[in-house]
C-alpha atoms as a PDB file:
ATOM      1  CA  MET A   1      70.182  25.282 -36.818  1.00  0.00           C
ATOM      2  CA  MET A   2      72.110  23.218 -39.265  1.00  0.00           C
ATOM      3  CA  VAL A   3      75.070  22.320 -37.113  1.00  0.00           C
ATOM      4  CA  SER A   4      72.730  21.333 -33.726  1.00  0.00           C
ATOM      5  CA  PHE A   5      71.150  18.836 -36.182  1.00  0.00           C
ATOM      6  CA  LEU A   6      74.518  17.822 -37.725  1.00  0.00           C
ATOM      7  CA  MET A   7      76.430  17.751 -33.844  1.00  0.00           C
ATOM      8  CA  PRO A   8      75.598  14.589 -31.962  1.00  0.00           C
ATOM      9  CA  LYS A   9      74.102  16.371 -28.246  1.00  0.00           C
ATOM     10  CA  SER A  10      77.174  15.220 -26.519  1.00  0.00           C
ATOM     11  CA  VAL A  11      79.049  18.298 -28.423  1.00  0.00           C
ATOM     12  CA  ILE A  12      76.792  20.993 -28.566  1.00  0.00           C
ATOM     13  CA  GLY A  13      74.629  19.929 -25.968  1.00  0.00           C
ATOM     14  CA  VAL A  14      71.496  21.948 -24.732  1.00  0.00           C
ATOM     15  CA  ARG A  15      70.831  25.412 -24.999  1.00  0.00           C
ATOM     16  CA  ARG A  16      67.525  28.004 -24.174  1.00  0.00           C
ATOM     17  CA  THR A  17      68.979  30.405 -26.785  1.00  0.00           C
ATOM     18  CA  LEU A  18      69.094  30.294 -31.273  1.00  0.00           C
ATOM     19  CA  LEU A  19      73.090  30.487 -31.140  1.00  0.00           C
ATOM     20  CA  LEU A  20      75.342  27.545 -30.030  1.00  0.00           C
ATOM     21  CA  SER A  21      78.310  29.536 -27.418  1.00  0.00           C
ATOM     22  CA  ARG A  22      81.406  30.652 -28.947  1.00  0.00           C
ATOM     23  CA  GLU A  23      83.217  27.741 -27.417  1.00  0.00           C
ATOM     24  CA  ILE A  24      80.846  25.113 -29.339  1.00  0.00           C
ATOM     25  CA  SER A  25      80.934  27.164 -32.512  1.00  0.00           C
ATOM     26  CA  GLU A  26      85.111  27.257 -32.328  1.00  0.00           C
ATOM     27  CA  LYS A  27      85.235  23.796 -31.516  1.00  0.00           C
ATOM     28  CA  VAL A  28      82.869  22.672 -34.474  1.00  0.00           C
ATOM     29  CA  ALA A  29      85.000  24.845 -36.445  1.00  0.00           C
ATOM     30  CA  LYS A  30      88.316  23.051 -35.454  1.00  0.00           C
ATOM     31  CA  ASP A  31      87.101  19.421 -35.155  1.00  0.00           C
ATOM     32  CA  TYR A  32      84.183  19.152 -37.507  1.00  0.00           C
ATOM     33  CA  PRO A  33      85.037  21.321 -40.760  1.00  0.00           C
ATOM     34  CA  TRP A  34      82.662  19.459 -42.568  1.00  0.00           C
ATOM     35  CA  VAL A  35      80.075  20.250 -40.625  1.00  0.00           C
ATOM     36  CA  ALA A  36      80.445  23.995 -40.375  1.00  0.00           C
ATOM     37  CA  GLY A  37      80.835  23.858 -44.505  1.00  0.00           C
ATOM     38  CA  ILE A  38      77.872  22.614 -44.858  1.00  0.00           C
ATOM     39  CA  ALA A  39      76.209  24.732 -42.175  1.00  0.00           C
ATOM     40  CA  HIS A  40      78.324  28.159 -43.673  1.00  0.00           C
ATOM     41  CA  ASP A  41      77.431  27.306 -47.505  1.00  0.00           C
ATOM     42  CA  THR A  42      73.121  26.937 -45.879  1.00  0.00           C
ATOM     43  CA  ALA A  43      73.749  30.476 -44.662  1.00  0.00           C
ATOM     44  CA  MET A  44      74.920  31.306 -47.965  1.00  0.00           C
ATOM     45  CA  ALA A  45      73.224  29.937 -50.065  1.00  0.00           C
ATOM     46  CA  GLY A  46      70.019  32.339 -48.741  1.00  0.00           C
ATOM     47  CA  ALA A  47      66.653  31.103 -47.682  1.00  0.00           C
ATOM     48  CA  ASP A  48      64.612  31.581 -51.652  1.00  0.00           C
ATOM     49  CA  SER A  49      67.256  29.421 -53.396  1.00  0.00           C
ATOM     50  CA  LEU A  50      67.489  26.927 -51.046  1.00  0.00           C
ATOM     51  CA  TRP A  51      64.664  26.548 -51.317  1.00  0.00           C
ATOM     52  CA  ALA A  52      63.851  26.594 -54.809  1.00  0.00           C
ATOM     53  CA  THR A  53      67.177  23.958 -55.666  1.00  0.00           C
ATOM     54  CA  SER A  54      68.092  22.129 -53.250  1.00  0.00           C
ATOM     55  CA  ARG A  55      67.071  18.426 -52.345  1.00  0.00           C
ATOM     56  CA  SER A  56      68.216  18.401 -48.761  1.00  0.00           C
ATOM     57  CA  GLU A  57      64.953  17.618 -46.838  1.00  0.00           C
ATOM     58  CA  LEU A  58      67.400  18.806 -43.453  1.00  0.00           C
ATOM     59  CA  LYS A  59      68.531  22.373 -45.510  1.00  0.00           C
ATOM     60  CA  LYS A  60      65.116  23.363 -45.650  1.00  0.00           C
ATOM     61  CA  MET A  61      63.982  22.106 -42.221  1.00  0.00           C
ATOM     62  CA  CYS A  62      66.977  24.350 -41.074  1.00  0.00           C
ATOM     63  CA  THR A  63      65.700  27.328 -43.155  1.00  0.00           C
ATOM     64  CA  LEU A  64      62.036  27.613 -42.166  1.00  0.00           C
ATOM     65  CA  LEU A  65      62.956  26.817 -38.450  1.00  0.00           C
ATOM     66  CA  ALA A  66      65.074  29.699 -38.713  1.00  0.00           C
ATOM     67  CA  GLY A  67      62.489  32.016 -40.286  1.00  0.00           C
ATOM     68  CA  VAL A  68      60.416  31.117 -37.904  1.00  0.00           C
ATOM     69  CA  ALA A  69      62.814  31.775 -35.247  1.00  0.00           C
ATOM     70  CA  MET A  70      63.188  35.087 -36.053  1.00  0.00           C
ATOM     71  CA  LEU A  71      59.449  35.602 -36.196  1.00  0.00           C
ATOM     72  CA  THR A  72      59.099  34.204 -32.335  1.00  0.00           C
ATOM     73  CA  THR A  73      61.627  34.892 -30.403  1.00  0.00           C
ATOM     74  CA  LYS A  74      60.845  37.521 -28.200  1.00  0.00           C
ATOM     75  CA  GLY A  75      62.581  40.247 -26.036  1.00  0.00           C
ATOM     76  CA  THR A  76      64.320  43.374 -25.296  1.00  0.00           C
ATOM     77  CA  GLY A  77      67.623  44.716 -25.298  1.00  0.00           C
ATOM     78  CA  ASP A  78      70.298  44.548 -27.930  1.00  0.00           C
ATOM     79  CA  ASP A  79      71.303  41.138 -28.278  1.00  0.00           C
ATOM     80  CA  LEU A  80      67.951  40.208 -28.498  1.00  0.00           C
ATOM     81  CA  ILE A  81      68.863  36.536 -30.532  1.00  0.00           C
ATOM     82  CA  ARG A  82      71.535  36.099 -28.312  1.00  0.00           C
ATOM     83  CA  ASN A  83      69.977  36.484 -24.700  1.00  0.00           C
ATOM     84  CA  SER A  84      65.992  34.826 -25.681  1.00  0.00           C
ATOM     85  CA  ASN A  85      64.649  32.253 -25.127  1.00  0.00           C
ATOM     86  CA  ALA A  86      64.308  30.768 -28.638  1.00  0.00           C
ATOM     87  CA  PHE A  87      61.036  30.838 -30.456  1.00  0.00           C
ATOM     88  CA  ASN A  88      59.676  32.375 -27.089  1.00  0.00           C
ATOM     89  CA  GLY A  89      59.195  28.769 -25.236  1.00  0.00           C
ATOM     90  CA  LYS A  90      56.747  27.581 -27.850  1.00  0.00           C
ATOM     91  CA  ILE A  91      58.717  25.006 -29.779  1.00  0.00           C
ATOM     92  CA  GLN A  92      61.245  22.422 -28.258  1.00  0.00           C
ATOM     93  CA  LEU A  93      63.794  20.827 -30.314  1.00  0.00           C
ATOM     94  CA  PRO A  94      65.915  18.352 -29.050  1.00  0.00           C
ATOM     95  CA  PHE A  95      68.467  20.505 -28.445  1.00  0.00           C
ATOM     96  CA  ILE A  96      66.854  23.426 -27.365  1.00  0.00           C
ATOM     97  CA  GLU A  97      64.933  23.232 -24.127  1.00  0.00           C
ATOM     98  CA  CYS A  98      63.145  26.777 -22.983  1.00  0.00           C
ATOM     99  CA  PRO A  99      60.012  26.829 -20.375  1.00  0.00           C
ATOM    100  CA  PRO A 100      56.604  27.390 -22.339  1.00  0.00           C
ATOM    101  CA  PRO A 101      55.945  30.927 -22.033  1.00  0.00           C
ATOM    102  CA  PRO A 102      52.600  30.576 -19.335  1.00  0.00           C
ATOM    103  CA  ASP A 103      49.626  31.454 -21.642  1.00  0.00           C
ATOM    104  CA  SER A 104      50.285  28.773 -24.520  1.00  0.00           C
ATOM    105  CA  LYS A 105      48.039  26.410 -24.649  1.00  0.00           C
ATOM    106  CA  ALA A 106      49.964  24.674 -27.562  1.00  0.00           C
ATOM    107  CA  LEU A 107      53.265  23.451 -28.279  1.00  0.00           C
ATOM    108  CA  LEU A 108      55.207  22.069 -31.284  1.00  0.00           C
ATOM    109  CA  ALA A 109      57.964  19.638 -30.584  1.00  0.00           C
ATOM    110  CA  LEU A 110      60.430  17.439 -32.347  1.00  0.00           C
ATOM    111  CA  VAL A 111      60.277  13.384 -31.470  1.00  0.00           C
ATOM    112  CA  PRO A 112      63.548  12.233 -32.665  1.00  0.00           C
ATOM    113  CA  SER A 113      62.678   8.562 -32.567  1.00  0.00           C
ATOM    114  CA  THR A 114      60.176   9.068 -35.183  1.00  0.00           C
ATOM    115  CA  ARG A 115      61.499  12.108 -36.587  1.00  0.00           C
ATOM    116  CA  SER A 116      58.010  13.135 -35.953  1.00  0.00           C
ATOM    117  CA  TRP A 117      56.901  17.160 -35.904  1.00  0.00           C
ATOM    118  CA  VAL A 118      53.931  17.186 -33.168  1.00  0.00           C
ATOM    119  CA  ILE A 119      51.451  19.986 -31.656  1.00  0.00           C
ATOM    120  CA  TYR A 120      50.151  19.078 -28.518  1.00  0.00           C
ATOM    121  CA  SER A 121      48.932  20.768 -25.032  1.00  0.00           C
ATOM    122  CA  ILE A 122      48.893  19.820 -21.661  1.00  0.00           C
ATOM    123  CA  SER A 123      45.647  18.926 -19.858  1.00  0.00           C
ATOM    124  CA  ASP A 124      44.318  20.797 -16.286  1.00  0.00           C
ATOM    125  CA  THR A 125      45.506  16.960 -15.436  1.00  0.00           C
ATOM    126  CA  GLY A 126      49.071  16.913 -16.439  1.00  0.00           C
ATOM    127  CA  SER A 127      48.589  14.676 -19.201  1.00  0.00           C
ATOM    128  CA  PRO A 128      49.961  15.791 -23.305  1.00  0.00           C
ATOM    129  CA  HIS A 129      47.023  15.930 -25.772  1.00  0.00           C
ATOM    130  CA  VAL A 130      48.412  15.395 -29.370  1.00  0.00           C
ATOM    131  CA  SER A 131      46.613  17.012 -31.793  1.00  0.00           C
ATOM    132  CA  PHE A 132      48.696  16.855 -34.812  1.00  0.00           C
ATOM    133  CA  SER A 133      51.685  14.595 -35.405  1.00  0.00           C
ATOM    134  CA  LYS A 134      53.833  14.118 -39.448  1.00  0.00           C
ATOM    135  CA  ARG A 135      57.238  13.097 -40.006  1.00  0.00           C
ATOM    136  CA  GLY A 136      59.827  15.074 -42.111  1.00  0.00           C
ATOM    137  CA  LEU A 137      59.466  17.932 -43.886  1.00  0.00           C
ATOM    138  CA  GLU A 138      56.123  17.548 -45.205  1.00  0.00           C
ATOM    139  CA  GLY A 139      55.377  17.387 -41.220  1.00  0.00           C
ATOM    140  CA  LEU A 140      57.622  20.683 -40.231  1.00  0.00           C
ATOM    141  CA  CYS A 141      55.307  21.899 -42.786  1.00  0.00           C
ATOM    142  CA  THR A 142      52.238  21.302 -42.082  1.00  0.00           C
ATOM    143  CA  SER A 143      53.021  21.519 -38.229  1.00  0.00           C
ATOM    144  CA  VAL A 144      53.734  25.246 -38.639  1.00  0.00           C
ATOM    145  CA  LEU A 145      51.299  26.540 -40.819  1.00  0.00           C
ATOM    146  CA  ALA A 146      48.868  24.684 -38.495  1.00  0.00           C
ATOM    147  CA  PHE A 147      50.562  26.020 -35.727  1.00  0.00           C
ATOM    148  CA  ARG A 148      50.722  29.687 -36.812  1.00  0.00           C
ATOM    149  CA  ASN A 149      48.144  31.340 -34.735  1.00  0.00           C
ATOM    150  CA  HIS A 150      49.754  30.457 -31.810  1.00  0.00           C
ATOM    151  CA  PHE A 151      53.234  32.475 -33.000  1.00  0.00           C
ATOM    152  CA  LYS A 152      51.385  35.316 -31.614  1.00  0.00           C
END
């Protein structure tokens, strides 16, 4: 998550799975070692410690999204995280594009231009209906709590 937020879309591209490809991971490690270092330090800190001590909203957002990803990414087989649609298609990020599940009544998305987290649904006529929108870490926390019933 951290690498995906820090790197330009032109480098990481768009994917449907949680993990970056091996090729992109190697490129980041070679050409952007500071990004790889931040991501590694964030992962090694652990969620509890990071949440308690970090002042970085981005690190906290990535930690929360990683936890939600582990709870929502569904599939079968041995390599679930590497092969399944991220967040079961219910959360949309600028670097992750998945088809939403057919039974989905609401989706959670990050709007990069406003840094807002929105919960929205699509009406029968195809128009979006936003039921929640809030910026930053507080917006993500509140939207995840509000959206929790849709994660099942």
